[in-house]
Amino acid sequence: MREQKATNVTWRAHKVTREERESLLEQKGVVLWFTGLSGSGKSTIANEVAYKLHSMKKLSYILDGDNIRHGLNKDLGFSPEDRAENIRRISEVANLFADAGLIAITAFISPYRKDRNFCRNLVGKGKFIEIFCKASLSTCEKRDPKGLYKKARAGIIKEFTGIDAPYEEPEHPELILHTDKETVEECTQNVLDKLKEFNII
């Protein structure tokens, strides 16, 4: 993680508290952290969860890996160092969204445990829900919605997670979605049930 370069800066407290923002929205601010291999269903399920929450009049926002790399993180590649910085930045953004009272939904491969744990520690206990989209490499490779595995196997893409870069499975996620056995609808309901269990909605 990068060092603090800015000096002579002071954190300014807000007159409106987090609790007051949550009361206005009638929900709790939280980070839903979807993690898993490319093709495991992270973005698909995240979008369905956001859609269902919207229909329930709950405010959420999706921070998707590809979308973020079009803007905020367009200067980052896929080296271990850049991956760490990618997750650090999005963790800070997700934390701000949760502090605003939103249900921040992230969909990133985020292959390293230490990077995911950085966000967990930043957000705080009870405000971070790690959701492991679990599917075998062979299943993800068969899906290959973006054609990335094919390019990785051909050597066109380097440092591709699951092929020539590691993926460290979560050790104690709050929720595991078996996306090669459960439907999108079943996975979505499992996430909503978890939010109710945590008294988020």
Protein backbone atom coordinates (compact mmCIF):
# COMPACT_ATOMS: atom_id res chain seq x y z
CA MET A 1 0.00 0.00 0.00
CA ARG A 2 1.18 3.50 -0.77
CA GLU A 3 2.52 5.93 1.81
CA GLN A 4 0.76 9.10 2.90
CA LYS A 5 2.30 11.96 0.90
CA ALA A 6 -0.07 14.77 1.78
CA THR A 7 0.97 16.74 4.86
CA ASN A 8 -0.77 19.39 6.95
CA VAL A 9 -4.16 17.79 6.40
CA THR A 10 -6.80 17.40 9.11
CA TRP A 11 -9.83 15.11 9.07
CA ARG A 12 -12.97 17.25 9.28
CA ALA A 13 -16.01 15.86 11.09
CA HIS A 14 -19.42 16.25 9.45
CA LYS A 15 -22.37 17.88 11.14
CA VAL A 16 -24.68 15.18 9.75
CA THR A 17 -23.75 11.80 11.23
CA ARG A 18 -23.66 8.41 9.52
CA GLU A 19 -26.55 7.30 11.70
CA GLU A 20 -28.63 10.26 10.57
CA ARG A 21 -27.92 9.50 6.91
CA GLU A 22 -28.87 5.85 7.46
CA SER A 23 -32.07 6.93 9.21
CA LEU A 24 -32.99 9.11 6.23
CA LEU A 25 -32.46 6.20 3.83
CA GLU A 26 -34.00 3.60 6.17
CA GLN A 27 -31.08 1.22 5.65
CA LYS A 28 -27.56 0.62 6.94
CA GLY A 29 -24.42 1.52 5.02
CA VAL A 30 -22.42 -1.57 4.11
CA VAL A 31 -19.91 -2.92 1.60
CA LEU A 32 -20.87 -6.09 -0.27
CA TRP A 33 -17.59 -7.43 -1.63
CA PHE A 34 -18.13 -9.94 -4.45
CA THR A 35 -14.95 -11.88 -5.22
CA GLY A 36 -14.20 -14.82 -7.49
CA LEU A 37 -12.60 -15.84 -10.75
CA SER A 38 -13.42 -14.13 -14.02
CA GLY A 39 -16.65 -15.70 -15.24
CA SER A 40 -17.78 -16.78 -11.77
CA GLY A 41 -20.86 -14.56 -11.89
CA LYS A 42 -19.80 -11.59 -9.75
CA SER A 43 -21.10 -8.80 -11.98
CA THR A 44 -24.23 -10.68 -13.03
CA ILE A 45 -25.32 -11.34 -9.45
CA ALA A 46 -24.23 -7.90 -8.23
CA ASN A 47 -26.46 -6.30 -10.87
CA GLU A 48 -29.40 -8.49 -9.94
CA VAL A 49 -28.94 -7.69 -6.24
CA ALA A 50 -28.85 -3.96 -7.02
CA TYR A 51 -32.00 -4.30 -9.14
CA LYS A 52 -33.86 -6.12 -6.37
CA LEU A 53 -32.72 -3.58 -3.77
CA HIS A 54 -33.91 -0.74 -5.99
CA SER A 55 -37.34 -2.37 -6.28
CA MET A 56 -37.37 -2.48 -2.47
CA LYS A 57 -36.56 1.27 -2.42
CA LYS A 58 -33.09 0.65 -1.02
CA LEU A 59 -30.22 2.75 -2.35
CA SER A 60 -27.18 0.90 -3.66
CA TYR A 61 -24.40 1.50 -6.15
CA ILE A 62 -22.22 -0.98 -8.02
CA LEU A 63 -18.48 -0.48 -8.29
CA ASP A 64 -17.53 -2.91 -11.05
CA GLY A 65 -13.96 -3.90 -11.84
CA ASP A 66 -14.00 -3.09 -15.56
CA ASN A 67 -15.93 0.16 -15.09
CA ILE A 68 -13.51 1.44 -12.46
CA ARG A 69 -10.56 0.70 -14.75
CA HIS A 70 -12.13 2.96 -17.38
CA GLY A 71 -11.79 5.96 -15.08
CA LEU A 72 -10.50 6.09 -11.51
CA ASN A 73 -7.99 3.29 -12.03
CA LYS A 74 -7.22 3.58 -15.74
CA ASP A 75 -3.54 4.13 -14.88
CA LEU A 76 -3.23 0.66 -13.32
CA GLY A 77 -2.33 -2.64 -14.95
CA PHE A 78 -2.52 -6.17 -13.58
CA SER A 79 0.82 -6.63 -11.82
CA PRO A 80 0.55 -7.67 -8.15
CA GLU A 81 1.46 -4.09 -7.16
CA ASP A 82 -1.16 -2.55 -9.43
CA ARG A 83 -3.78 -5.04 -8.30
CA ALA A 84 -3.10 -4.04 -4.68
CA GLU A 85 -3.42 -0.34 -5.51
CA ASN A 86 -6.59 -1.05 -7.50
CA ILE A 87 -8.20 -2.65 -4.45
CA ARG A 88 -6.86 0.01 -2.07
CA ARG A 89 -8.48 2.79 -4.08
CA ILE A 90 -11.79 1.02 -4.51
CA SER A 91 -11.82 0.13 -0.81
CA GLU A 92 -11.55 3.81 0.07
CA VAL A 93 -14.36 4.70 -2.34
CA ALA A 94 -16.59 1.86 -1.11
CA ASN A 95 -15.97 2.93 2.48
CA LEU A 96 -17.08 6.49 1.66
CA PHE A 97 -20.24 5.17 -0.03
CA ALA A 98 -21.05 3.00 3.00
CA ASP A 99 -20.41 5.96 5.30
CA ALA A 100 -22.93 7.91 3.23
CA GLY A 101 -25.47 5.20 4.09
CA LEU A 102 -25.43 3.41 0.74
CA ILE A 103 -25.17 -0.30 0.10
CA ALA A 104 -21.89 -0.30 -1.83
CA ILE A 105 -21.65 -3.34 -4.09
CA THR A 106 -18.23 -4.22 -5.47
CA ALA A 107 -17.50 -6.82 -8.14
CA PHE A 108 -13.76 -7.44 -8.43
CA ILE A 109 -11.69 -10.58 -8.87
CA SER A 110 -9.55 -9.21 -6.00
CA PRO A 111 -7.38 -12.34 -5.94
CA TYR A 112 -5.33 -11.63 -2.81
CA ARG A 113 -6.64 -12.13 0.73
CA LYS A 114 -4.53 -9.34 2.19
CA ASP A 115 -6.07 -6.81 -0.20
CA ARG A 116 -9.64 -7.92 0.59
CA ASN A 117 -8.81 -7.87 4.30
CA PHE A 118 -7.57 -4.29 3.89
CA CYS A 119 -11.10 -3.29 2.94
CA ARG A 120 -12.62 -5.40 5.72
CA ASN A 121 -10.44 -3.66 8.31
CA LEU A 122 -11.05 -0.23 6.78
CA VAL A 123 -14.83 -0.55 6.74
CA GLY A 124 -15.11 -2.14 10.17
CA LYS A 125 -16.85 -5.07 11.81
CA GLY A 126 -20.39 -5.75 10.67
CA LYS A 127 -20.13 -3.33 7.74
CA PHE A 128 -18.24 -5.58 5.31
CA ILE A 129 -19.80 -8.68 3.79
CA GLU A 130 -17.44 -10.81 1.72
CA ILE A 131 -19.31 -12.84 -0.89
CA PHE A 132 -17.34 -15.61 -2.58
CA CYS A 133 -18.70 -16.51 -6.01
CA LYS A 134 -17.40 -20.05 -6.12
CA ALA A 135 -17.15 -21.83 -9.44
CA SER A 136 -14.51 -24.19 -10.77
CA LEU A 137 -11.88 -22.90 -13.16
CA SER A 138 -13.22 -25.25 -15.82
CA THR A 139 -16.73 -23.83 -15.43
CA CYS A 140 -15.48 -20.24 -15.63
CA GLU A 141 -13.36 -21.10 -18.63
CA LYS A 142 -16.31 -22.69 -20.40
CA ARG A 143 -18.37 -19.55 -19.80
CA ASP A 144 -15.54 -17.17 -20.77
CA PRO A 145 -18.00 -14.31 -21.47
CA LYS A 146 -15.25 -11.88 -22.52
CA GLY A 147 -12.99 -14.38 -24.29
CA LEU A 148 -10.24 -13.68 -21.75
CA TYR A 149 -9.37 -17.27 -20.87
CA LYS A 150 -8.89 -18.06 -24.54
CA LYS A 151 -6.50 -15.11 -24.87
CA ALA A 152 -4.70 -16.08 -21.66
CA ARG A 153 -4.23 -19.67 -22.86
CA ALA A 154 -2.84 -18.30 -26.13
CA GLY A 155 -0.37 -16.11 -24.24
CA ILE A 156 -1.97 -12.88 -25.45
CA ILE A 157 -2.95 -11.84 -21.90
CA LYS A 158 -0.29 -12.17 -19.21
CA GLU A 159 -0.78 -12.47 -15.43
CA PHE A 160 -4.36 -13.67 -15.84
CA THR A 161 -5.93 -14.91 -12.60
CA GLY A 162 -6.45 -18.65 -12.56
CA ILE A 163 -4.06 -19.26 -15.48
CA ASP A 164 -0.67 -17.70 -14.74
CA ALA A 165 -1.58 -15.60 -11.69
CA PRO A 166 -2.96 -16.93 -8.38
CA TYR A 167 -6.40 -16.62 -6.81
CA GLU A 168 -6.53 -16.98 -3.04
CA GLU A 169 -9.96 -18.18 -1.99
CA PRO A 170 -11.56 -16.44 1.01
CA GLU A 171 -10.99 -18.34 4.24
CA HIS A 172 -13.98 -17.02 6.19
CA PRO A 173 -16.40 -15.24 3.84
CA GLU A 174 -19.77 -14.18 5.18
CA LEU A 175 -21.41 -15.89 2.22
CA ILE A 176 -20.46 -18.47 -0.40
CA LEU A 177 -22.46 -18.60 -3.61
CA HIS A 178 -22.00 -21.82 -5.56
CA THR A 179 -22.53 -20.17 -8.90
CA ASP A 180 -21.93 -23.34 -10.90
CA LYS A 181 -24.78 -25.10 -9.05
CA GLU A 182 -27.21 -22.34 -8.04
CA THR A 183 -29.22 -20.09 -10.35
CA VAL A 184 -28.76 -16.32 -10.46
CA GLU A 185 -32.14 -15.99 -8.74
CA GLU A 186 -31.12 -18.35 -5.92
CA CYS A 187 -27.80 -16.56 -5.43
CA THR A 188 -29.52 -13.18 -5.38
CA GLN A 189 -32.00 -14.33 -2.74
CA ASN A 190 -29.13 -15.68 -0.64
CA VAL A 191 -27.52 -12.23 -0.68
CA LEU A 192 -30.77 -10.49 0.26
CA ASP A 193 -31.29 -12.99 3.09
CA LYS A 194 -27.81 -12.20 4.37
CA LEU A 195 -28.57 -8.46 4.32
CA LYS A 196 -31.67 -9.09 6.40
CA GLU A 197 -29.68 -11.30 8.78
CA PHE A 198 -27.21 -8.43 9.27
CA ASN A 199 -30.08 -5.95 9.74
CA ILE A 200 -28.91 -3.91 6.76
CA ILE A 201 -32.37 -3.82 5.20
